[in-house]
Amino acid sequence: MTDLSLNGLATRPSQVWGGVRLVPLVRDEPIEDLRLDAQVYDADVGVVAVGPRIAYCSYIPHGFVATWADDGTPAAAYGTQLRNPADRDRAPARMPLRFHHRMARRVDKNRLRFLPLHLALEGYLALHFGGPEIAWEEWSQQAIRRGLSPRVEEAYTGAAVRGLADALRVFEIHPGQCGVLVYVADALAAAFVVPHPDDYRALHSTLVHDLYGELIYHYAMLGGPVPAFKARIADTTVRSLADLRAAAAAQRDEWATFHDEVMAGGLLSGDYTYEYVQEVGPYRLSRLMPSFERQRDNHIGELIDDDAGRLAYLKTFRLSENQVRRGHLLTRLAAGDWRLSTTAAAMGVTEFELVRRIEAAGFGYLLRQDLRDHYRARARR
C-alpha cells in the first residue's frame, strides 16, 4: 500500500461555476517525450474480449492514444503532425473500432491505445471476481462455478452531471496547465492529468464524456453553489509592485497548501495498490485500487509515471459509499478464504449479520437459497 503524489504538478486557485469547482494543475516543465491524443469512436458501445467466451461491454465515448519517443526527443501529439499541403483536403484515415482485444493495446511500436477509466473500472469489477476458491457449503453452485458473474455497477456520463458542461465551457485554461481536479458540491469527483499543455487543451472537453459515480450525480442535482476562492491582501502591507506580487504569491501558496492537505486529502493521502498493466517506453501504465476503508474517500484510477515517480497521466473515479461497501465486503471475504465463520470473526460480527450484509450488498445470489431462507426466518423471529 502507498499513497498518491501529484509529483511535478502545482495547484492554482480554483474557478467556480455553480456547484462545480475546477482546480487547475500546472507544470513548470511539460513532459515532451510522451503525448496523449483522443481517438473518437463511431460506435457508442464497445466490446472488449477479455478471455475465452468472456467479453466486457461498455459505453466508450473515446480512447486515449499515448505516443512516446525512445530517445527522449519531443513527440508530437497524433493528429497535429506536419502534412503535405497537397493532402490538406484528405481526412486523416480512421477505421471504425468496435471490438478490442485488450483494455490497453499497442497499435504501433511507439503508440498505445487504451480506454480512459476503463482500466480502473475493469479492476474494480474484477475484484475477487472468481468467487470462493474452496467449495464451502454456504455458497451456491452459481458462486462456485461462475463466481460473481454477472458483476454490474452504475455510473453517469459527465453530460448528466448538472453544471459540468457549462463549467468546462467557460473554464479559463492556465498557461502550462496539464490537469484539473473536478469538485461537485466541494466533493472531489475526479482527477485528470496529462503530460503536456497542448494535450490538455485537446482533451479538456473530453471530461464531459467521462464516467462519474452515483454520489457525484446526486451532489450535482441536490447541492447548491459553492463559494469562489478570493484572495485577501492587506493594503497596509503593500508599498510597491514587488510587495503586491509577493502578497499575491503568498495567497496562491496558501490556497495550494489548504487544497492539497484538506480538499484533496482524501485522494492524496489514501492507501493504494498499484497494479502494473503495460510499459509505455520509459513509462509504465498502472491501475490504482484503494484500501476500501469505510467512511472516507475511495478512488479507483489509472496512471502513467516513470521510475522517478514523475506523474505523466492520471484519471480517477470516486466510488460511492455503496460501492466502497461492496469492495470492502469482497476484500474481507477473500481475506477469510470465503469462509463465513472466519470472515465474521475477523469483522467482529455474527454470521447472521455477515449474511445480512452480503444480501444488502447485492451478493445474496452467491449464498445457498436454503441458507438465505433460514436467516430470513431467523430475522422475522
Protein backbone atom coordinates (compact mmCIF):
# COMPACT_ATOMS: atom_id res chain seq x y z
CA MET A 1 0.00 0.00 0.00
CA THR A 2 1.22 3.51 -0.83
CA ASP A 3 -0.22 6.98 -1.27
CA LEU A 4 -0.67 9.06 -4.43
CA SER A 5 1.51 12.06 -5.26
CA LEU A 6 0.99 14.82 -7.81
CA ASN A 7 4.73 14.88 -8.41
CA GLY A 8 5.75 17.61 -10.86
CA LEU A 9 2.41 19.47 -10.68
CA ALA A 10 1.43 22.64 -8.83
CA THR A 11 -2.07 23.68 -7.73
CA ARG A 12 -3.53 27.00 -8.86
CA PRO A 13 -6.57 28.88 -7.45
CA SER A 14 -9.90 27.31 -8.34
CA GLN A 15 -12.64 28.59 -10.61
CA VAL A 16 -16.31 28.06 -9.79
CA TRP A 17 -19.44 27.63 -11.85
CA GLY A 18 -22.48 26.99 -9.66
CA GLY A 19 -21.80 23.84 -7.67
CA VAL A 20 -18.79 22.81 -9.78
CA ARG A 21 -15.28 23.78 -8.72
CA LEU A 22 -12.38 23.23 -11.13
CA VAL A 23 -8.84 23.35 -9.70
CA PRO A 24 -6.11 23.65 -12.37
CA LEU A 25 -2.83 21.75 -12.15
CA VAL A 26 0.19 23.22 -13.95
CA ARG A 27 3.69 22.02 -14.76
CA ASP A 28 6.81 24.14 -14.73
CA GLU A 29 8.31 21.78 -17.30
CA PRO A 30 5.96 19.83 -19.58
CA ILE A 31 6.73 16.24 -20.48
CA GLU A 32 7.86 16.28 -24.10
CA ASP A 33 8.62 12.61 -24.81
CA LEU A 34 5.13 11.27 -24.02
CA ARG A 35 1.98 12.68 -25.56
CA LEU A 36 -1.73 11.82 -25.38
CA ASP A 37 -4.38 12.15 -28.05
CA ALA A 38 -8.06 11.25 -28.19
CA GLN A 39 -9.49 8.66 -30.57
CA VAL A 40 -13.22 9.20 -31.10
CA TYR A 41 -15.16 6.07 -31.99
CA ASP A 42 -18.05 5.83 -34.41
CA ALA A 43 -19.87 3.44 -32.09
CA ASP A 44 -21.26 4.34 -28.69
CA VAL A 45 -20.92 0.81 -27.34
CA GLY A 46 -17.73 -1.21 -27.41
CA VAL A 47 -16.95 -4.84 -26.70
CA VAL A 48 -13.61 -5.91 -25.26
CA ALA A 49 -12.61 -9.57 -25.42
CA VAL A 50 -11.02 -10.37 -22.05
CA GLY A 51 -10.85 -14.15 -22.30
CA PRO A 52 -12.29 -17.26 -23.93
CA ARG A 53 -16.05 -16.72 -24.32
CA ILE A 54 -15.82 -13.70 -22.00
CA ALA A 55 -16.49 -10.14 -23.18
CA TYR A 56 -16.62 -6.76 -21.45
CA CYS A 57 -19.35 -4.44 -22.79
CA SER A 58 -19.22 -0.74 -22.06
CA TYR A 59 -20.07 2.74 -23.25
CA ILE A 60 -16.93 4.01 -24.99
CA PRO A 61 -17.03 7.73 -25.83
CA HIS A 62 -13.35 7.95 -26.72
CA GLY A 63 -9.99 6.32 -26.25
CA PHE A 64 -6.57 7.75 -25.47
CA VAL A 65 -3.53 7.08 -27.62
CA ALA A 66 -0.14 7.53 -25.92
CA THR A 67 2.80 8.31 -28.19
CA TRP A 68 6.37 8.37 -26.90
CA ALA A 69 9.92 8.72 -28.17
CA ASP A 70 12.50 6.10 -27.21
CA ASP A 71 15.37 8.59 -27.23
CA GLY A 72 13.62 11.23 -25.12
CA THR A 73 13.12 13.69 -28.00
CA PRO A 74 9.88 15.66 -28.14
CA ALA A 75 6.92 13.71 -29.57
CA ALA A 76 4.06 15.45 -31.36
CA ALA A 77 0.51 14.50 -30.48
CA TYR A 78 -1.10 12.35 -33.13
CA GLY A 79 -3.21 14.48 -35.44
CA THR A 80 -1.00 17.58 -35.12
CA GLN A 81 1.97 16.44 -37.22
CA LEU A 82 3.01 18.33 -40.36
CA ARG A 83 1.34 17.14 -43.56
CA ASN A 84 1.86 17.69 -47.25
CA PRO A 85 -0.19 20.73 -48.41
CA ALA A 86 -1.45 18.65 -51.31
CA ASP A 87 -3.16 16.33 -48.81
CA ARG A 88 -4.91 19.06 -46.81
CA ASP A 89 -8.35 18.13 -48.17
CA ARG A 90 -7.97 14.47 -47.37
CA ALA A 91 -9.33 13.48 -43.98
CA PRO A 92 -7.00 11.51 -41.69
CA ALA A 93 -7.52 7.80 -42.02
CA ARG A 94 -9.83 6.42 -39.37
CA MET A 95 -11.21 2.93 -39.05
CA PRO A 96 -14.42 2.28 -37.06
CA LEU A 97 -13.40 0.38 -33.96
CA ARG A 98 -15.98 -1.83 -32.28
CA PHE A 99 -14.04 -4.82 -30.98
CA HIS A 100 -10.86 -4.62 -28.91
CA HIS A 101 -8.56 -7.39 -27.78
CA ARG A 102 -7.47 -5.74 -24.54
CA MET A 103 -8.10 -2.62 -22.48
CA ALA A 104 -4.57 -1.42 -23.33
CA ARG A 105 -3.15 -2.44 -26.69
CA ARG A 106 -0.18 -1.38 -28.78
CA VAL A 107 -1.29 -0.03 -32.15
CA ASP A 108 2.26 0.72 -33.29
CA LYS A 109 5.79 0.40 -31.94
CA ASN A 110 5.55 3.68 -30.03
CA ARG A 111 1.77 4.02 -29.73
CA LEU A 112 -0.54 2.54 -27.12
CA ARG A 113 -4.34 2.73 -27.28
CA PHE A 114 -6.27 2.46 -24.01
CA LEU A 115 -9.77 3.34 -22.88
CA PRO A 116 -9.82 6.10 -20.25
CA LEU A 117 -11.19 4.98 -16.88
CA HIS A 118 -11.94 1.50 -18.21
CA LEU A 119 -8.68 0.14 -16.83
CA ALA A 120 -9.76 1.39 -13.41
CA LEU A 121 -13.34 0.16 -13.73
CA GLU A 122 -12.19 -3.21 -15.03
CA GLY A 123 -10.05 -3.60 -11.92
CA TYR A 124 -12.95 -2.81 -9.62
CA LEU A 125 -15.42 -5.05 -11.46
CA ALA A 126 -12.89 -7.89 -11.49
CA LEU A 127 -12.25 -7.56 -7.75
CA HIS A 128 -12.30 -11.17 -6.46
CA PHE A 129 -14.49 -11.93 -9.48
CA GLY A 130 -13.75 -15.65 -9.31
CA GLY A 131 -15.65 -16.03 -6.04
CA PRO A 132 -14.95 -18.78 -3.48
CA GLU A 133 -11.81 -20.81 -4.16
CA ILE A 134 -12.99 -23.55 -1.77
CA ALA A 135 -16.45 -25.08 -2.14
CA TRP A 136 -17.69 -24.20 1.34
CA GLU A 137 -21.19 -25.49 1.98
CA GLU A 138 -22.64 -21.96 2.40
CA TRP A 139 -22.10 -20.93 -1.22
CA SER A 140 -24.42 -21.71 -4.12
CA GLN A 141 -23.41 -23.72 -7.17
CA GLN A 142 -23.53 -20.50 -9.19
CA ALA A 143 -20.95 -18.94 -6.86
CA ILE A 144 -18.68 -21.98 -7.16
CA ARG A 145 -18.99 -22.31 -10.93
CA ARG A 146 -19.36 -18.71 -12.12
CA GLY A 147 -18.12 -16.54 -9.29
CA LEU A 148 -19.53 -13.01 -9.27
CA SER A 149 -20.78 -13.15 -12.85
CA PRO A 150 -22.67 -11.02 -13.70
CA ARG A 151 -21.00 -8.07 -11.97
CA VAL A 152 -22.72 -4.73 -12.60
CA GLU A 153 -22.12 -1.17 -11.39
CA GLU A 154 -23.82 2.08 -12.37
CA ALA A 155 -22.19 5.32 -13.49
CA TYR A 156 -23.24 8.56 -15.17
CA THR A 157 -21.65 10.45 -18.04
CA GLY A 158 -20.43 13.96 -17.39
CA ALA A 159 -23.26 15.31 -19.52
CA ALA A 160 -25.68 14.15 -16.79
CA VAL A 161 -23.75 15.96 -14.02
CA ARG A 162 -25.52 19.31 -13.75
CA GLY A 163 -23.26 22.29 -14.36
CA LEU A 164 -20.19 20.34 -15.51
CA ALA A 165 -20.57 21.02 -19.24
CA ASP A 166 -21.05 24.75 -18.63
CA ALA A 167 -18.10 24.85 -16.23
CA LEU A 168 -15.83 23.22 -18.80
CA ARG A 169 -17.07 25.61 -21.48
CA VAL A 170 -16.31 28.81 -19.53
CA PHE A 171 -13.22 27.47 -17.74
CA GLU A 172 -10.09 29.57 -18.23
CA ILE A 173 -7.15 27.34 -19.12
CA HIS A 174 -3.95 28.49 -17.39
CA PRO A 175 -0.57 28.76 -19.13
CA GLY A 176 1.24 25.48 -18.55
CA GLN A 177 -1.92 23.70 -17.38
CA CYS A 178 -1.63 19.93 -17.65
CA GLY A 179 -4.51 18.78 -15.46
CA VAL A 180 -7.57 19.57 -13.37
CA LEU A 181 -9.32 18.37 -10.23
CA VAL A 182 -13.11 18.37 -10.56
CA TYR A 183 -15.23 19.03 -7.48
CA VAL A 184 -19.02 18.88 -7.25
CA ALA A 185 -20.52 20.44 -4.12
CA ASP A 186 -16.86 20.52 -2.96
CA ALA A 187 -16.65 16.72 -3.08
CA LEU A 188 -13.72 15.58 -5.21
CA ALA A 189 -15.23 13.87 -8.24
CA ALA A 190 -12.23 13.20 -10.47
CA ALA A 191 -8.59 13.99 -11.15
CA PHE A 192 -7.26 14.33 -14.68
CA VAL A 193 -3.58 14.84 -15.60
CA VAL A 194 -1.82 14.74 -18.97
CA PRO A 195 1.85 15.17 -19.97
CA HIS A 196 1.73 18.41 -21.97
CA PRO A 197 -0.35 21.65 -22.06
CA ASP A 198 -1.21 21.02 -25.71
CA ASP A 199 -2.60 17.62 -24.74
CA TYR A 200 -4.75 19.21 -22.05
CA ARG A 201 -6.19 21.77 -24.45
CA ALA A 202 -7.05 18.97 -26.87
CA LEU A 203 -8.57 16.73 -24.17
CA HIS A 204 -10.17 19.31 -21.84
CA SER A 205 -13.64 18.84 -23.36
CA THR A 206 -13.49 15.03 -23.05
CA LEU A 207 -14.21 15.37 -19.32
CA VAL A 208 -17.89 15.77 -20.12
CA HIS A 209 -17.85 12.32 -21.77
CA ASP A 210 -16.18 10.59 -18.82
CA LEU A 211 -17.94 8.50 -16.19
CA TYR A 212 -18.88 9.80 -12.75
CA GLY A 213 -20.25 7.97 -9.75
CA GLU A 214 -23.69 7.95 -8.22
CA LEU A 215 -22.57 10.17 -5.33
CA ILE A 216 -21.35 12.91 -7.67
CA TYR A 217 -24.54 12.80 -9.75
CA HIS A 218 -26.73 13.29 -6.68
CA TYR A 219 -24.49 16.03 -5.27
CA ALA A 220 -24.82 17.91 -8.56
CA MET A 221 -28.61 17.56 -8.52
CA LEU A 222 -29.13 18.47 -4.86
CA GLY A 223 -26.19 20.71 -3.98
CA GLY A 224 -26.12 24.50 -4.19
CA PRO A 225 -23.46 26.94 -5.41
CA VAL A 226 -20.04 26.75 -3.76
CA PRO A 227 -18.01 29.81 -2.72
CA ALA A 228 -15.26 31.05 -5.00
CA PHE A 229 -11.69 31.46 -3.84
CA LYS A 230 -10.96 35.12 -3.08
CA ALA A 231 -7.52 36.47 -2.30
CA ARG A 232 -7.41 38.94 0.61
CA ILE A 233 -4.40 41.22 0.76
CA ALA A 234 -3.98 43.86 3.44
CA ASP A 235 -3.27 47.13 1.63
CA THR A 236 -1.28 48.43 4.58
CA THR A 237 1.49 45.94 3.78
CA VAL A 238 1.77 46.88 0.09
CA ARG A 239 4.17 49.71 -0.79
CA SER A 240 5.26 48.66 -4.27
CA LEU A 241 4.52 46.31 -7.15
CA ALA A 242 7.07 43.91 -5.69
CA ASP A 243 5.13 43.86 -2.41
CA LEU A 244 1.90 43.23 -4.27
CA ARG A 245 3.47 40.43 -6.29
CA ALA A 246 4.84 38.79 -3.14
CA ALA A 247 1.49 39.08 -1.34
CA ALA A 248 -0.34 37.53 -4.32
CA ALA A 249 2.18 34.65 -4.45
CA ALA A 250 1.70 34.07 -0.71
CA GLN A 251 -2.08 33.88 -1.17
CA ARG A 252 -1.64 31.43 -4.04
CA ASP A 253 0.69 29.23 -1.99
CA GLU A 254 -1.68 29.37 1.00
CA TRP A 255 -4.55 28.22 -1.19
CA ALA A 256 -2.44 25.42 -2.69
CA THR A 257 -1.45 24.16 0.78
CA PHE A 258 -5.05 24.23 2.00
CA HIS A 259 -6.28 22.46 -1.13
CA ASP A 260 -3.68 19.70 -1.17
CA GLU A 261 -3.91 18.95 2.55
CA VAL A 262 -7.65 19.38 3.10
CA MET A 263 -9.77 19.38 -0.05
CA ALA A 264 -7.73 16.75 -1.93
CA GLY A 265 -6.55 14.99 1.21
CA GLY A 266 -8.93 12.07 0.68
CA LEU A 267 -7.35 11.35 -2.72
CA LEU A 268 -3.70 12.11 -1.97
CA SER A 269 -3.50 10.52 1.49
CA GLY A 270 -5.32 7.30 0.61
CA ASP A 271 -3.64 3.90 0.58
CA TYR A 272 -3.49 2.42 -2.93
CA THR A 273 -2.41 -0.81 -4.50
CA TYR A 274 -0.64 -0.31 -7.84
CA GLU A 275 -1.19 -2.98 -10.48
CA TYR A 276 1.21 -2.81 -13.44
CA VAL A 277 -0.54 -3.08 -16.82
CA GLN A 278 1.95 -2.24 -19.58
CA GLU A 279 5.18 -0.42 -20.38
CA VAL A 280 4.91 2.82 -22.36
CA GLY A 281 8.50 3.34 -23.44
CA PRO A 282 10.35 4.65 -20.34
CA TYR A 283 6.99 4.98 -18.56
CA ARG A 284 4.56 2.44 -17.13
CA LEU A 285 0.78 2.29 -17.22
CA SER A 286 -0.71 1.10 -13.92
CA ARG A 287 -4.07 0.64 -12.26
CA LEU A 288 -4.92 2.12 -8.83
CA MET A 289 -7.06 0.25 -6.32
CA PRO A 290 -7.97 1.78 -2.93
CA SER A 291 -8.00 0.19 0.51
CA PHE A 292 -11.84 0.29 0.67
CA GLU A 293 -11.67 1.83 4.11
CA ARG A 294 -15.15 2.81 5.24
CA GLN A 295 -16.28 6.39 5.92
CA ARG A 296 -13.61 8.04 3.77
CA ASP A 297 -12.95 8.93 0.14
CA ASN A 298 -12.09 5.96 -2.08
CA HIS A 299 -10.95 6.49 -5.65
CA ILE A 300 -10.07 3.99 -8.34
CA GLY A 301 -7.89 5.15 -11.18
CA GLU A 302 -5.14 4.65 -13.69
CA LEU A 303 -1.84 6.44 -14.15
CA ILE A 304 1.33 6.65 -16.20
CA ASP A 305 4.55 7.51 -14.39
CA ASP A 306 8.30 6.95 -14.75
CA ASP A 307 10.93 5.39 -12.50
CA ALA A 308 11.46 8.73 -10.74
CA GLY A 309 7.78 8.88 -9.78
CA ARG A 310 7.00 11.78 -12.13
CA LEU A 311 3.29 11.67 -12.90
CA ALA A 312 2.55 11.90 -16.63
CA TYR A 313 -1.09 10.79 -16.76
CA LEU A 314 -3.82 10.29 -14.17
CA LYS A 315 -7.55 9.71 -14.30
CA THR A 316 -9.63 8.77 -11.27
CA PHE A 317 -13.21 7.77 -10.45
CA ARG A 318 -14.72 8.32 -7.00
CA LEU A 319 -16.63 5.37 -5.62
CA SER A 320 -19.92 5.86 -3.83
CA GLU A 321 -20.35 4.63 -0.26
CA ASN A 322 -22.31 1.60 -1.55
CA GLN A 323 -19.51 0.75 -3.97
CA VAL A 324 -16.95 1.11 -1.18
CA ARG A 325 -19.08 -1.16 1.00
CA ARG A 326 -19.16 -3.82 -1.72
CA GLY A 327 -15.41 -3.60 -2.29
CA HIS A 328 -14.75 -3.76 1.45
CA LEU A 329 -17.00 -6.80 1.85
CA LEU A 330 -15.44 -8.69 -1.05
CA THR A 331 -11.95 -7.91 0.24
CA ARG A 332 -12.78 -9.20 3.72
CA LEU A 333 -14.41 -12.35 2.33
CA ALA A 334 -11.37 -13.08 0.17
CA ALA A 335 -9.04 -12.47 3.13
CA GLY A 336 -11.06 -15.05 5.09
CA ASP A 337 -10.88 -17.59 2.24
CA TRP A 338 -14.64 -17.04 1.72
CA ARG A 339 -15.43 -18.87 4.97
CA LEU A 340 -18.36 -17.14 6.64
CA SER A 341 -17.34 -18.02 10.20
CA THR A 342 -13.74 -16.85 9.67
CA THR A 343 -14.79 -13.61 7.96
CA ALA A 344 -17.45 -12.82 10.57
CA ALA A 345 -14.95 -13.31 13.39
CA ALA A 346 -12.39 -11.06 11.66
CA MET A 347 -15.02 -8.36 11.19
CA GLY A 348 -16.27 -8.67 14.76
CA VAL A 349 -19.85 -9.54 13.74
CA THR A 350 -22.05 -12.61 13.85
CA GLU A 351 -22.60 -14.86 10.85
CA PHE A 352 -26.20 -13.69 10.81
CA GLU A 353 -25.03 -10.07 10.46
CA LEU A 354 -22.50 -11.01 7.79
CA VAL A 355 -25.17 -12.78 5.73
CA ARG A 356 -27.38 -9.71 6.10
CA ARG A 357 -24.56 -7.51 4.79
CA ILE A 358 -23.91 -9.86 1.86
CA GLU A 359 -27.56 -9.67 0.84
CA ALA A 360 -27.71 -5.89 1.34
CA ALA A 361 -24.67 -5.51 -0.93
CA GLY A 362 -26.44 -7.36 -3.74
CA PHE A 363 -24.42 -10.57 -3.43
CA GLY A 364 -27.18 -12.71 -1.92
CA TYR A 365 -27.31 -14.86 -5.05
CA LEU A 366 -23.90 -16.26 -4.07
CA LEU A 367 -25.37 -17.96 -0.99
CA ARG A 368 -27.44 -21.15 -0.97
CA GLN A 369 -31.17 -20.41 -1.06
CA ASP A 370 -31.97 -22.57 1.98
CA LEU A 371 -29.32 -20.68 3.99
CA ARG A 372 -30.83 -17.35 2.96
CA ASP A 373 -34.32 -18.56 3.88
CA HIS A 374 -33.05 -19.77 7.25
CA TYR A 375 -31.57 -16.40 8.15
CA ARG A 376 -34.62 -14.52 6.87
CA ALA A 377 -36.86 -16.65 9.11
CA ARG A 378 -34.49 -16.00 12.00
CA ALA A 379 -34.71 -12.26 11.35
CA ARG A 380 -38.54 -12.38 11.39
CA ARG A 381 -38.47 -14.19 14.73
